[in-house]
PDB file of N, CA and C in Angstrom:
ATOM      1  N   UNK A   1       9.718   1.537  23.319  1.00  0.00           N
ATOM      2  CA  UNK A   1      10.400   2.358  23.668  1.00  0.00           C
ATOM      3  C   UNK A   1      10.487   3.271  24.261  1.00  0.00           C
ATOM      4  N   UNK A   2       9.710   3.558  24.829  1.00  0.00           N
ATOM      5  CA  UNK A   2       9.096   5.150  25.402  1.00  0.00           C
ATOM      6  C   UNK A   2       9.413   6.301  25.022  1.00  0.00           C
ATOM      7  N   UNK A   3       9.610   6.348  23.957  1.00  0.00           N
ATOM      8  CA  UNK A   3      10.531   7.645  22.848  1.00  0.00           C
ATOM      9  C   UNK A   3       8.847   8.475  22.426  1.00  0.00           C
ATOM     10  N   UNK A   4       8.802   9.480  22.423  1.00  0.00           N
ATOM     11  CA  UNK A   4       8.190  10.604  21.361  1.00  0.00           C
ATOM     12  C   UNK A   4       8.060  10.204  20.066  1.00  0.00           C
ATOM     13  N   UNK A   5       7.005   9.492  19.442  1.00  0.00           N
ATOM     14  CA  UNK A   5       6.858   9.142  18.353  1.00  0.00           C
ATOM     15  C   UNK A   5       7.308  10.299  17.142  1.00  0.00           C
ATOM     16  N   UNK A   6       7.361  11.622  17.598  1.00  0.00           N
ATOM     17  CA  UNK A   6       7.637  12.783  16.629  1.00  0.00           C
ATOM     18  C   UNK A   6       9.108  12.395  16.795  1.00  0.00           C
ATOM     19  N   UNK A   7       9.619  12.398  17.596  1.00  0.00           N
ATOM     20  CA  UNK A   7      11.230  11.759  17.079  1.00  0.00           C
ATOM     21  C   UNK A   7      11.947  11.296  16.828  1.00  0.00           C
ATOM     22  N   UNK A   8      10.972   9.943  16.541  1.00  0.00           N
ATOM     23  CA  UNK A   8      11.339   9.410  14.904  1.00  0.00           C
ATOM     24  C   UNK A   8      11.049   9.899  13.572  1.00  0.00           C
ATOM     25  N   UNK A   9       9.694  11.071  14.108  1.00  0.00           N
ATOM     26  CA  UNK A   9       9.440  10.213  12.461  1.00  0.00           C
ATOM     27  C   UNK A   9      10.101  12.418  12.444  1.00  0.00           C
ATOM     28  N   UNK A  10       9.551  13.461  12.792  1.00  0.00           N
ATOM     29  CA  UNK A  10      10.451  14.432  12.133  1.00  0.00           C
ATOM     30  C   UNK A  10      12.143  14.129  11.753  1.00  0.00           C
ATOM     31  N   UNK A  11      12.539  13.512  12.350  1.00  0.00           N
ATOM     32  CA  UNK A  11      14.213  13.694  11.426  1.00  0.00           C
ATOM     33  C   UNK A  11      13.554  12.622  10.270  1.00  0.00           C
ATOM     34  N   UNK A  12      13.008  11.601  10.066  1.00  0.00           N
ATOM     35  CA  UNK A  12      12.677  10.899   8.800  1.00  0.00           C
ATOM     36  C   UNK A  12      11.983  11.426   7.761  1.00  0.00           C
ATOM     37  N   UNK A  13      11.203  11.999   8.747  1.00  0.00           N
ATOM     38  CA  UNK A  13      10.810  13.119   7.286  1.00  0.00           C
ATOM     39  C   UNK A  13      11.756  13.598   6.580  1.00  0.00           C
ATOM     40  N   UNK A  14      12.039  14.141   7.202  1.00  0.00           N
ATOM     41  CA  UNK A  14      12.972  15.775   6.620  1.00  0.00           C
ATOM     42  C   UNK A  14      14.517  14.941   5.758  1.00  0.00           C
ATOM     43  N   UNK A  15      14.945  13.574   6.399  1.00  0.00           N
ATOM     44  CA  UNK A  15      15.570  13.157   5.350  1.00  0.00           C
ATOM     45  C   UNK A  15      15.129  12.890   4.201  1.00  0.00           C
ATOM     46  N   UNK A  16      13.704  11.931   3.645  1.00  0.00           N
ATOM     47  CA  UNK A  16      13.339  12.078   2.630  1.00  0.00           C
ATOM     48  C   UNK A  16      13.988  12.757   2.153  1.00  0.00           C
ATOM     49  N   UNK A  17      13.592  14.061   2.779  1.00  0.00           N
ATOM     50  CA  UNK A  17      14.238  15.050   0.718  1.00  0.00           C
ATOM     51  C   UNK A  17      15.462  15.082   0.213  1.00  0.00           C
ATOM     52  N   UNK A  18      16.576  14.570   0.930  1.00  0.00           N
ATOM     53  CA  UNK A  18      18.231  14.840   0.912  1.00  0.00           C
ATOM     54  C   UNK A  18      18.646  13.527   0.031  1.00  0.00           C
ATOM     55  N   UNK A  19      17.659  13.033  -0.701  1.00  0.00           N
ATOM     56  CA  UNK A  19      18.305  12.715  -2.264  1.00  0.00           C
ATOM     57  C   UNK A  19      19.434  13.630  -3.543  1.00  0.00           C
ATOM     58  N   UNK A  20      20.331  13.873  -3.494  1.00  0.00           N
ATOM     59  CA  UNK A  20      21.527  14.174  -3.675  1.00  0.00           C
ATOM     60  C   UNK A  20      21.403  13.912  -4.296  1.00  0.00           C
ATOM     61  N   UNK A  21      22.517  12.447  -3.980  1.00  0.00           N
ATOM     62  CA  UNK A  21      23.861  11.696  -4.529  1.00  0.00           C
ATOM     63  C   UNK A  21      24.176  11.542  -6.315  1.00  0.00           C
ATOM     64  N   UNK A  22      22.386  10.616  -6.079  1.00  0.00           N
ATOM     65  CA  UNK A  22      22.620   9.839  -7.716  1.00  0.00           C
ATOM     66  C   UNK A  22      21.906  10.560  -8.703  1.00  0.00           C
ATOM     67  N   UNK A  23      21.903  10.227 -10.460  1.00  0.00           N
ATOM     68  CA  UNK A  23      20.909  10.886 -10.623  1.00  0.00           C
ATOM     69  C   UNK A  23      19.379  10.516 -11.140  1.00  0.00           C
ATOM     70  N   UNK A  24      19.474   9.581 -10.226  1.00  0.00           N
ATOM     71  CA  UNK A  24      17.454   8.330  -9.804  1.00  0.00           C
ATOM     72  C   UNK A  24      17.070   9.673  -9.285  1.00  0.00           C
ATOM     73  N   UNK A  25      17.885   9.947  -8.607  1.00  0.00           N
ATOM     74  CA  UNK A  25      16.798  10.932  -7.176  1.00  0.00           C
ATOM     75  C   UNK A  25      16.545  12.186  -7.056  1.00  0.00           C
ATOM     76  N   UNK A  26      16.674  12.785  -7.739  1.00  0.00           N
ATOM     77  CA  UNK A  26      15.574  13.766  -7.925  1.00  0.00           C
ATOM     78  C   UNK A  26      15.553  13.364  -9.769  1.00  0.00           C
ATOM     79  N   UNK A  27      14.496  14.495 -10.961  1.00  0.00           N
ATOM     80  CA  UNK A  27      14.022  14.379 -11.840  1.00  0.00           C
ATOM     81  C   UNK A  27      15.703  15.600 -12.630  1.00  0.00           C
ATOM     82  N   UNK A  28      15.361  16.642 -11.234  1.00  0.00           N
ATOM     83  CA  UNK A  28      16.512  17.819 -11.858  1.00  0.00           C
ATOM     84  C   UNK A  28      17.967  17.159 -12.510  1.00  0.00           C
ATOM     85  N   UNK A  29      18.072  16.122 -11.459  1.00  0.00           N
ATOM     86  CA  UNK A  29      19.355  15.269 -11.630  1.00  0.00           C
ATOM     87  C   UNK A  29      19.307  14.752 -12.625  1.00  0.00           C
ATOM     88  N   UNK A  30      18.427  14.067 -12.709  1.00  0.00           N
ATOM     89  CA  UNK A  30      18.523  13.552 -13.780  1.00  0.00           C
ATOM     90  C   UNK A  30      18.665  14.425 -15.462  1.00  0.00           C
ATOM     91  N   UNK A  31      17.751  15.704 -15.366  1.00  0.00           N
ATOM     92  CA  UNK A  31      18.132  16.900 -16.122  1.00  0.00           C
ATOM     93  C   UNK A  31      19.657  17.049 -16.785  1.00  0.00           C
ATOM     94  N   UNK A  32      20.391  17.079 -15.676  1.00  0.00           N
ATOM     95  CA  UNK A  32      21.514  17.522 -15.413  1.00  0.00           C
ATOM     96  C   UNK A  32      22.681  16.745 -16.154  1.00  0.00           C
ATOM     97  N   UNK A  33      22.173  15.989 -15.206  1.00  0.00           N
ATOM     98  CA  UNK A  33      23.068  14.093 -15.767  1.00  0.00           C
ATOM     99  C   UNK A  33      22.628  13.421 -17.438  1.00  0.00           C
ATOM    100  N   UNK A  34      21.460  13.882 -17.919  1.00  0.00           N
ATOM    101  CA  UNK A  34      21.582  13.224 -19.824  1.00  0.00           C
ATOM    102  C   UNK A  34      22.279  14.241 -20.536  1.00  0.00           C
ATOM    103  N   UNK A  35      22.571  15.321 -20.304  1.00  0.00           N
ATOM    104  CA  UNK A  35      23.395  16.565 -21.126  1.00  0.00           C
ATOM    105  C   UNK A  35      24.621  15.366 -20.791  1.00  0.00           C
ATOM    106  N   UNK A  36      25.143  14.406 -20.363  1.00  0.00           N
ATOM    107  CA  UNK A  36      26.329  14.158 -20.618  1.00  0.00           C
ATOM    108  C   UNK A  36      28.230  14.952 -20.447  1.00  0.00           C
ATOM    109  N   UNK A  37      28.004  16.156 -19.386  1.00  0.00           N
ATOM    110  CA  UNK A  37      28.914  16.425 -19.337  1.00  0.00           C
ATOM    111  C   UNK A  37      29.033  16.950 -17.896  1.00  0.00           C
ATOM    112  N   UNK A  38      28.078  15.834 -17.168  1.00  0.00           N
ATOM    113  CA  UNK A  38      28.822  15.343 -15.311  1.00  0.00           C
ATOM    114  C   UNK A  38      28.632  14.097 -14.785  1.00  0.00           C
ATOM    115  N   UNK A  39      29.571  13.952 -14.283  1.00  0.00           N
ATOM    116  CA  UNK A  39      29.512  12.112 -14.253  1.00  0.00           C
ATOM    117  C   UNK A  39      29.431  12.388 -13.436  1.00  0.00           C
ATOM    118  N   UNK A  40      28.585  10.358 -13.623  1.00  0.00           N
ATOM    119  CA  UNK A  40      28.102  10.092 -11.719  1.00  0.00           C
ATOM    120  C   UNK A  40      28.841  10.312 -10.167  1.00  0.00           C
ATOM    121  N   UNK A  41      30.176  10.229 -10.563  1.00  0.00           N
ATOM    122  CA  UNK A  41      31.017  10.184  -9.838  1.00  0.00           C
ATOM    123  C   UNK A  41      31.026  11.407  -9.566  1.00  0.00           C
ATOM    124  N   UNK A  42      31.193  12.389 -10.043  1.00  0.00           N
ATOM    125  CA  UNK A  42      30.804  13.561  -9.847  1.00  0.00           C
ATOM    126  C   UNK A  42      29.210  14.396  -9.333  1.00  0.00           C
ATOM    127  N   UNK A  43      28.566  13.761  -8.970  1.00  0.00           N
ATOM    128  CA  UNK A  43      27.274  13.393  -9.072  1.00  0.00           C
ATOM    129  C   UNK A  43      27.462  12.793  -7.341  1.00  0.00           C
ATOM    130  N   UNK A  44      28.631  11.658  -7.170  1.00  0.00           N
ATOM    131  CA  UNK A  44      28.399  11.422  -5.636  1.00  0.00           C
ATOM    132  C   UNK A  44      29.081  11.906  -5.030  1.00  0.00           C
ATOM    133  N   UNK A  45      30.004  12.649  -4.949  1.00  0.00           N
ATOM    134  CA  UNK A  45      30.672  13.014  -4.494  1.00  0.00           C
ATOM    135  C   UNK A  45      30.236  15.032  -4.067  1.00  0.00           C
ATOM    136  N   UNK A  46      30.142  15.271  -5.046  1.00  0.00           N
ATOM    137  CA  UNK A  46      29.533  16.138  -4.255  1.00  0.00           C
ATOM    138  C   UNK A  46      27.613  15.759  -3.234  1.00  0.00           C
ATOM    139  N   UNK A  47      27.024  15.232  -3.658  1.00  0.00           N
ATOM    140  CA  UNK A  47      25.862  14.663  -3.133  1.00  0.00           C
ATOM    141  C   UNK A  47      26.219  13.998  -2.323  1.00  0.00           C
ATOM    142  N   UNK A  48      27.579  13.330  -1.998  1.00  0.00           N
ATOM    143  CA  UNK A  48      27.351  12.923  -0.094  1.00  0.00           C
ATOM    144  C   UNK A  48      28.010  14.065   0.543  1.00  0.00           C
ATOM    145  N   UNK A  49      28.543  14.850   0.313  1.00  0.00           N
ATOM    146  CA  UNK A  49      29.090  16.309   0.632  1.00  0.00           C
ATOM    147  C   UNK A  49      27.790  16.768   1.156  1.00  0.00           C
ATOM    148  N   UNK A  50      26.357  16.812   0.764  1.00  0.00           N
ATOM    149  CA  UNK A  50      25.199  17.471   0.364  1.00  0.00           C
ATOM    150  C   UNK A  50      24.897  16.577   1.830  1.00  0.00           C
ATOM    151  N   UNK A  51      24.565  14.822   1.368  1.00  0.00           N
ATOM    152  CA  UNK A  51      24.052  14.601   3.360  1.00  0.00           C
ATOM    153  C   UNK A  51      24.567  14.599   3.872  1.00  0.00           C
ATOM    154  N   UNK A  52      25.571  14.772   4.221  1.00  0.00           N
ATOM    155  CA  UNK A  52      26.725  13.974   5.091  1.00  0.00           C
ATOM    156  C   UNK A  52      25.898  15.905   6.289  1.00  0.00           C
ATOM    157  N   UNK A  53      25.752  17.176   5.227  1.00  0.00           N
ATOM    158  CA  UNK A  53      25.633  18.049   6.031  1.00  0.00           C
ATOM    159  C   UNK A  53      24.075  18.026   6.225  1.00  0.00           C
ATOM    160  N   UNK A  54      23.807  17.189   5.944  1.00  0.00           N
ATOM    161  CA  UNK A  54      21.866  16.964   5.998  1.00  0.00           C
ATOM    162  C   UNK A  54      21.925  16.587   7.633  1.00  0.00           C
ATOM    163  N   UNK A  55      22.635  16.290   7.026  1.00  0.00           N
ATOM    164  CA  UNK A  55      22.022  14.680   8.135  1.00  0.00           C
ATOM    165  C   UNK A  55      22.624  15.346   9.763  1.00  0.00           C
ATOM    166  N   UNK A  56      22.655  16.273   9.803  1.00  0.00           N
ATOM    167  CA  UNK A  56      24.045  17.324  10.542  1.00  0.00           C
ATOM    168  C   UNK A  56      23.095  18.073  11.061  1.00  0.00           C
ATOM    169  N   UNK A  57      22.923  18.711  10.285  1.00  0.00           N
ATOM    170  CA  UNK A  57      21.257  20.019  10.867  1.00  0.00           C
ATOM    171  C   UNK A  57      20.424  18.752  11.184  1.00  0.00           C
ATOM    172  N   UNK A  58      20.120  18.112  10.235  1.00  0.00           N
ATOM    173  CA  UNK A  58      18.892  17.771  10.994  1.00  0.00           C
ATOM    174  C   UNK A  58      19.013  16.948  12.396  1.00  0.00           C
ATOM    175  N   UNK A  59      19.915  16.493  13.260  1.00  0.00           N
ATOM    176  CA  UNK A  59      20.016  15.973  14.113  1.00  0.00           C
ATOM    177  C   UNK A  59      20.736  17.043  15.448  1.00  0.00           C
ATOM    178  N   UNK A  60      20.585  18.339  14.867  1.00  0.00           N
ATOM    179  CA  UNK A  60      20.948  19.327  15.895  1.00  0.00           C
ATOM    180  C   UNK A  60      19.621  20.096  15.602  1.00  0.00           C
ATOM    181  N   UNK A  61      19.532  20.407  14.617  1.00  0.00           N
ATOM    182  CA  UNK A  61      17.600  21.013  14.904  1.00  0.00           C
ATOM    183  C   UNK A  61      16.804  19.914  15.677  1.00  0.00           C
ATOM    184  N   UNK A  62      16.795  18.809  15.618  1.00  0.00           N
ATOM    185  CA  UNK A  62      15.966  17.586  16.264  1.00  0.00           C
ATOM    186  C   UNK A  62      16.242  18.185  17.727  1.00  0.00           C
ATOM    187  N   UNK A  63      16.822  18.128  18.656  1.00  0.00           N
ATOM    188  CA  UNK A  63      18.385  17.908  19.647  1.00  0.00           C
ATOM    189  C   UNK A  63      17.953  19.378  20.868  1.00  0.00           C
ATOM    190  N   UNK A  64      17.721  20.322  19.652  1.00  0.00           N
ATOM    191  CA  UNK A  64      17.736  21.962  20.095  1.00  0.00           C
ATOM    192  C   UNK A  64      15.658  22.078  19.776  1.00  0.00           C
ATOM    193  N   UNK A  65      15.074  22.610  18.623  1.00  0.00           N
ATOM    194  CA  UNK A  65      14.479  23.343  18.295  1.00  0.00           C
ATOM    195  C   UNK A  65      12.959  22.284  18.251  1.00  0.00           C
ATOM    196  N   UNK A  66      13.209  20.791  18.177  1.00  0.00           N
ATOM    197  CA  UNK A  66      12.642  19.774  17.981  1.00  0.00           C
ATOM    198  C   UNK A  66      12.457  20.069  18.998  1.00  0.00           C
ATOM    199  N   UNK A  67      13.342  19.340  20.120  1.00  0.00           N
ATOM    200  CA  UNK A  67      13.147  19.367  21.977  1.00  0.00           C
ATOM    201  C   UNK A  67      11.809  20.839  21.942  1.00  0.00           C
ATOM    202  N   UNK A  68      12.093  21.866  22.021  1.00  0.00           N
ATOM    203  CA  UNK A  68      11.068  23.362  22.528  1.00  0.00           C
ATOM    204  C   UNK A  68       9.981  23.721  21.307  1.00  0.00           C
ATOM    205  N   UNK A  69      10.215  23.179  20.513  1.00  0.00           N
ATOM    206  CA  UNK A  69       9.412  23.460  19.531  1.00  0.00           C
ATOM    207  C   UNK A  69       7.794  22.777  20.118  1.00  0.00           C
ATOM    208  N   UNK A  70       8.572  20.805  20.371  1.00  0.00           N
ATOM    209  CA  UNK A  70       7.135  20.012  20.470  1.00  0.00           C
ATOM    210  C   UNK A  70       6.863  18.676  21.613  1.00  0.00           C
ATOM    211  N   UNK A  71       8.332  19.495  21.749  1.00  0.00           N
ATOM    212  CA  UNK A  71       8.043  19.222  23.927  1.00  0.00           C
ATOM    213  C   UNK A  71       9.154  17.468  23.640  1.00  0.00           C
ATOM    214  N   UNK A  72       9.217  17.290  22.921  1.00  0.00           N
ATOM    215  CA  UNK A  72      10.408  15.635  22.280  1.00  0.00           C
ATOM    216  C   UNK A  72      10.820  14.922  24.198  1.00  0.00           C
ATOM    217  N   UNK A  73      10.950  16.217  25.661  1.00  0.00           N
ATOM    218  CA  UNK A  73      11.222  15.155  26.209  1.00  0.00           C
ATOM    219  C   UNK A  73      10.413  15.185  27.121  1.00  0.00           C
ATOM    220  N   UNK A  74       8.990  14.916  26.834  1.00  0.00           N
ATOM    221  CA  UNK A  74       7.700  13.905  27.481  1.00  0.00           C
ATOM    222  C   UNK A  74       6.746  13.567  26.199  1.00  0.00           C
ATOM    223  N   UNK A  75       6.418  12.467  27.039  1.00  0.00           N
ATOM    224  CA  UNK A  75       5.740  11.185  26.164  1.00  0.00           C
ATOM    225  C   UNK A  75       4.900  11.321  25.901  1.00  0.00           C
ATOM    226  N   UNK A  76       3.846  11.590  24.835  1.00  0.00           N
ATOM    227  CA  UNK A  76       2.731  12.321  24.823  1.00  0.00           C
ATOM    228  C   UNK A  76       1.514  11.292  25.252  1.00  0.00           C
ATOM    229  N   UNK A  77       0.463  12.730  25.966  1.00  0.00           N
ATOM    230  CA  UNK A  77      -0.254  11.727  26.465  1.00  0.00           C
ATOM    231  C   UNK A  77      -1.661  11.045  25.254  1.00  0.00           C
ATOM    232  N   UNK A  78      -1.754  11.208  24.424  1.00  0.00           N
ATOM    233  CA  UNK A  78      -2.753  10.465  23.384  1.00  0.00           C
ATOM    234  C   UNK A  78      -0.958   9.269  22.780  1.00  0.00           C
ATOM    235  N   UNK A  79      -0.362   8.825  23.618  1.00  0.00           N
ATOM    236  CA  UNK A  79       0.434   7.315  22.761  1.00  0.00           C
ATOM    237  C   UNK A  79       0.355   7.113  24.177  1.00  0.00           C
ATOM    238  N   UNK A  80      -0.357   6.767  25.348  1.00  0.00           N
ATOM    239  CA  UNK A  80      -0.275   6.448  26.314  1.00  0.00           C
ATOM    240  C   UNK A  80      -0.723   4.326  26.021  1.00  0.00           C
ATOM    241  N   UNK A  81      -1.793   4.942  25.495  1.00  0.00           N
ATOM    242  CA  UNK A  81      -3.079   4.009  25.491  1.00  0.00           C
ATOM    243  C   UNK A  81      -2.220   2.892  24.084  1.00  0.00           C
ATOM    244  N   UNK A  82      -1.334   2.951  24.025  1.00  0.00           N
ATOM    245  CA  UNK A  82      -0.630   2.238  22.967  1.00  0.00           C
ATOM    246  C   UNK A  82       0.217   1.336  23.653  1.00  0.00           C
ATOM    247  N   UNK A  83       1.290   1.466  24.681  1.00  0.00           N
ATOM    248  CA  UNK A  83       1.271   0.611  25.113  1.00  0.00           C
ATOM    249  C   UNK A  83       1.353  -0.261  25.946  1.00  0.00           C
ATOM    250  N   UNK A  84       1.988  -1.208  24.882  1.00  0.00           N
ATOM    251  CA  UNK A  84       1.590  -2.807  25.719  1.00  0.00           C
ATOM    252  C   UNK A  84       1.458  -3.198  27.092  1.00  0.00           C
ATOM    253  N   UNK A  85       0.672  -3.267  28.198  1.00  0.00           N
ATOM    254  CA  UNK A  85       1.503  -3.583  29.094  1.00  0.00           C
ATOM    255  C   UNK A  85       1.497  -4.913  29.980  1.00  0.00           C
ATOM    256  N   UNK A  86       1.563  -5.624  29.184  1.00  0.00           N
ATOM    257  CA  UNK A  86       1.767  -6.907  29.259  1.00  0.00           C
ATOM    258  C   UNK A  86       3.280  -7.812  28.324  1.00  0.00           C
ATOM    259  N   UNK A  87       4.467  -7.909  28.480  1.00  0.00           N
ATOM    260  CA  UNK A  87       5.416  -8.051  27.312  1.00  0.00           C
ATOM    261  C   UNK A  87       5.240  -8.665  26.365  1.00  0.00           C
ATOM    262  N   UNK A  88       3.960  -9.642  27.826  1.00  0.00           N
ATOM    263  CA  UNK A  88       4.210 -11.144  26.313  1.00  0.00           C
ATOM    264  C   UNK A  88       2.693 -11.668  25.946  1.00  0.00           C
ATOM    265  N   UNK A  89       1.945 -10.227  25.734  1.00  0.00           N
ATOM    266  CA  UNK A  89       0.674 -10.172  24.823  1.00  0.00           C
ATOM    267  C   UNK A  89       1.356 -10.626  22.775  1.00  0.00           C
ATOM    268  N   UNK A  90       0.593 -10.692  22.378  1.00  0.00           N
ATOM    269  CA  UNK A  90       0.482 -10.997  21.187  1.00  0.00           C
ATOM    270  C   UNK A  90      -0.389 -10.169  20.332  1.00  0.00           C
ATOM    271  N   UNK A  91      -0.472 -10.242  19.136  1.00  0.00           N
ATOM    272  CA  UNK A  91      -1.014  -9.239  18.608  1.00  0.00           C
ATOM    273  C   UNK A  91      -2.035  -8.862  18.449  1.00  0.00           C
ATOM    274  N   UNK A  92      -2.977 -10.478  18.263  1.00  0.00           N
ATOM    275  CA  UNK A  92      -4.042 -11.296  18.162  1.00  0.00           C
ATOM    276  C   UNK A  92      -4.790 -10.652  20.026  1.00  0.00           C
ATOM    277  N   UNK A  93      -3.725 -11.021  21.251  1.00  0.00           N
ATOM    278  CA  UNK A  93      -4.661 -10.167  21.843  1.00  0.00           C
ATOM    279  C   UNK A  93      -5.178  -8.571  22.100  1.00  0.00           C
ATOM    280  N   UNK A  94      -3.721  -7.732  21.034  1.00  0.00           N
ATOM    281  CA  UNK A  94      -3.816  -5.873  20.866  1.00  0.00           C
ATOM    282  C   UNK A  94      -4.860  -5.602  20.206  1.00  0.00           C
ATOM    283  N   UNK A  95      -5.502  -6.301  19.646  1.00  0.00           N
ATOM    284  CA  UNK A  95      -6.168  -6.103  18.776  1.00  0.00           C
ATOM    285  C   UNK A  95      -7.543  -6.350  18.827  1.00  0.00           C
ATOM    286  N   UNK A  96      -7.452  -7.430  19.889  1.00  0.00           N
ATOM    287  CA  UNK A  96      -9.362  -7.358  20.593  1.00  0.00           C
ATOM    288  C   UNK A  96      -9.551  -6.913  21.368  1.00  0.00           C
ATOM    289  N   UNK A  97      -8.335  -6.705  22.418  1.00  0.00           N
ATOM    290  CA  UNK A  97      -8.265  -6.054  23.170  1.00  0.00           C
ATOM    291  C   UNK A  97      -7.776  -4.529  24.117  1.00  0.00           C
ATOM    292  N   UNK A  98      -8.127  -3.479  23.258  1.00  0.00           N
ATOM    293  CA  UNK A  98      -7.605  -2.310  22.952  1.00  0.00           C
ATOM    294  C   UNK A  98      -7.830  -1.188  23.302  1.00  0.00           C
ATOM    295  N   UNK A  99      -7.335   0.087  23.863  1.00  0.00           N
ATOM    296  CA  UNK A  99      -7.823   1.093  24.328  1.00  0.00           C
ATOM    297  C   UNK A  99      -6.778   2.719  23.491  1.00  0.00           C
ATOM    298  N   UNK A 100      -7.915   3.138  22.580  1.00  0.00           N
ATOM    299  CA  UNK A 100      -7.239   3.090  21.194  1.00  0.00           C
ATOM    300  C   UNK A 100      -8.205   5.071  22.050  1.00  0.00           C
ATOM    301  N   UNK A 101      -5.962   5.647  21.850  1.00  0.00           N
ATOM    302  CA  UNK A 101      -6.247   7.559  22.575  1.00  0.00           C
ATOM    303  C   UNK A 101      -7.199   8.126  20.808  1.00  0.00           C
ATOM    304  N   UNK A 102      -8.143   8.967  20.981  1.00  0.00           N
ATOM    305  CA  UNK A 102      -8.721   9.747  20.294  1.00  0.00           C
ATOM    306  C   UNK A 102      -8.436  11.515  21.055  1.00  0.00           C
ATOM    307  N   UNK A 103      -7.503  12.387  20.273  1.00  0.00           N
ATOM    308  CA  UNK A 103      -8.096  14.063  20.707  1.00  0.00           C
ATOM    309  C   UNK A 103      -8.524  14.374  21.722  1.00  0.00           C
ATOM    310  N   UNK A 104     -10.195  13.617  21.925  1.00  0.00           N
ATOM    311  CA  UNK A 104     -11.128  15.132  22.885  1.00  0.00           C
ATOM    312  C   UNK A 104     -10.370  13.889  24.159  1.00  0.00           C
ATOM    313  N   UNK A 105     -10.515  12.586  24.200  1.00  0.00           N
ATOM    314  CA  UNK A 105     -10.381  11.400  24.899  1.00  0.00           C
ATOM    315  C   UNK A 105      -9.355   9.603  24.525  1.00  0.00           C
ATOM    316  N   UNK A 106     -10.281   9.411  25.550  1.00  0.00           N
ATOM    317  CA  UNK A 106      -9.639   7.427  25.569  1.00  0.00           C
ATOM    318  C   UNK A 106     -10.734   7.244  25.548  1.00  0.00           C
ATOM    319  N   UNK A 107     -11.468   6.104  23.866  1.00  0.00           N
ATOM    320  CA  UNK A 107     -12.618   5.226  23.909  1.00  0.00           C
ATOM    321  C   UNK A 107     -12.165   3.812  23.937  1.00  0.00           C
ATOM    322  N   UNK A 108     -12.864   2.792  24.807  1.00  0.00           N
ATOM    323  CA  UNK A 108     -12.457   1.458  23.853  1.00  0.00           C
ATOM    324  C   UNK A 108     -12.764   0.810  23.341  1.00  0.00           C
ATOM    325  N   UNK A 109     -12.576   0.662  22.321  1.00  0.00           N
ATOM    326  CA  UNK A 109     -12.613  -0.737  21.523  1.00  0.00           C
ATOM    327  C   UNK A 109     -12.904  -1.278  21.312  1.00  0.00           C
ATOM    328  N   UNK A 110     -14.209  -2.165  21.519  1.00  0.00           N
ATOM    329  CA  UNK A 110     -15.193  -4.016  22.602  1.00  0.00           C
ATOM    330  C   UNK A 110     -15.092  -4.330  20.986  1.00  0.00           C
ATOM    331  N   UNK A 111     -14.003  -5.476  20.231  1.00  0.00           N
ATOM    332  CA  UNK A 111     -14.462  -6.482  19.407  1.00  0.00           C
ATOM    333  C   UNK A 111     -12.935  -6.948  19.505  1.00  0.00           C
ATOM    334  N   UNK A 112     -12.908  -6.973  18.030  1.00  0.00           N
ATOM    335  CA  UNK A 112     -12.388  -6.900  16.870  1.00  0.00           C
ATOM    336  C   UNK A 112     -11.545  -5.584  16.532  1.00  0.00           C
ATOM    337  N   UNK A 113     -10.431  -4.952  16.961  1.00  0.00           N
ATOM    338  CA  UNK A 113     -10.508  -4.076  16.059  1.00  0.00           C
ATOM    339  C   UNK A 113      -9.688  -3.071  15.053  1.00  0.00           C
ATOM    340  N   UNK A 114      -9.524  -4.468  13.684  1.00  0.00           N
ATOM    341  CA  UNK A 114     -10.125  -4.335  12.516  1.00  0.00           C
ATOM    342  C   UNK A 114     -11.234  -3.864  11.917  1.00  0.00           C
ATOM    343  N   UNK A 115     -11.602  -4.702  12.746  1.00  0.00           N
ATOM    344  CA  UNK A 115     -13.048  -4.501  11.817  1.00  0.00           C
ATOM    345  C   UNK A 115     -13.616  -2.579  11.982  1.00  0.00           C
ATOM    346  N   UNK A 116     -12.602  -1.984  12.437  1.00  0.00           N
ATOM    347  CA  UNK A 116     -12.870   0.166  12.831  1.00  0.00           C
ATOM    348  C   UNK A 116     -11.727   0.447  11.410  1.00  0.00           C
ATOM    349  N   UNK A 117     -11.111  -0.619  11.087  1.00  0.00           N
ATOM    350  CA  UNK A 117     -10.092   0.189  10.782  1.00  0.00           C
ATOM    351  C   UNK A 117      -9.995   0.508   9.212  1.00  0.00           C
TER     352      UNK A 117
END
């Protein structure tokens, strides 16, 4: 896709904390629900609104502050070596001859990369 990896990872990470809808989502939700005064439908109503607000804030944040803070407009050099040059290459081709990016520089893996993992 040639998209900055953080552009996909940051919103996903932030969205994982948006579990507001059901009693099993978080321990505080389960405690409130256990007393019996709150129904699941009440939690869904409030949780749905909070989830939609969260999605809007995350989308706005990643497309404004995220671009400024993490330079999401450009593809990082550390991810350049992970792009397949041959679209017909198989996974075994990639695992046997791969240039693995390092934060200091690039180094080439000789043999099977799974031995290094």
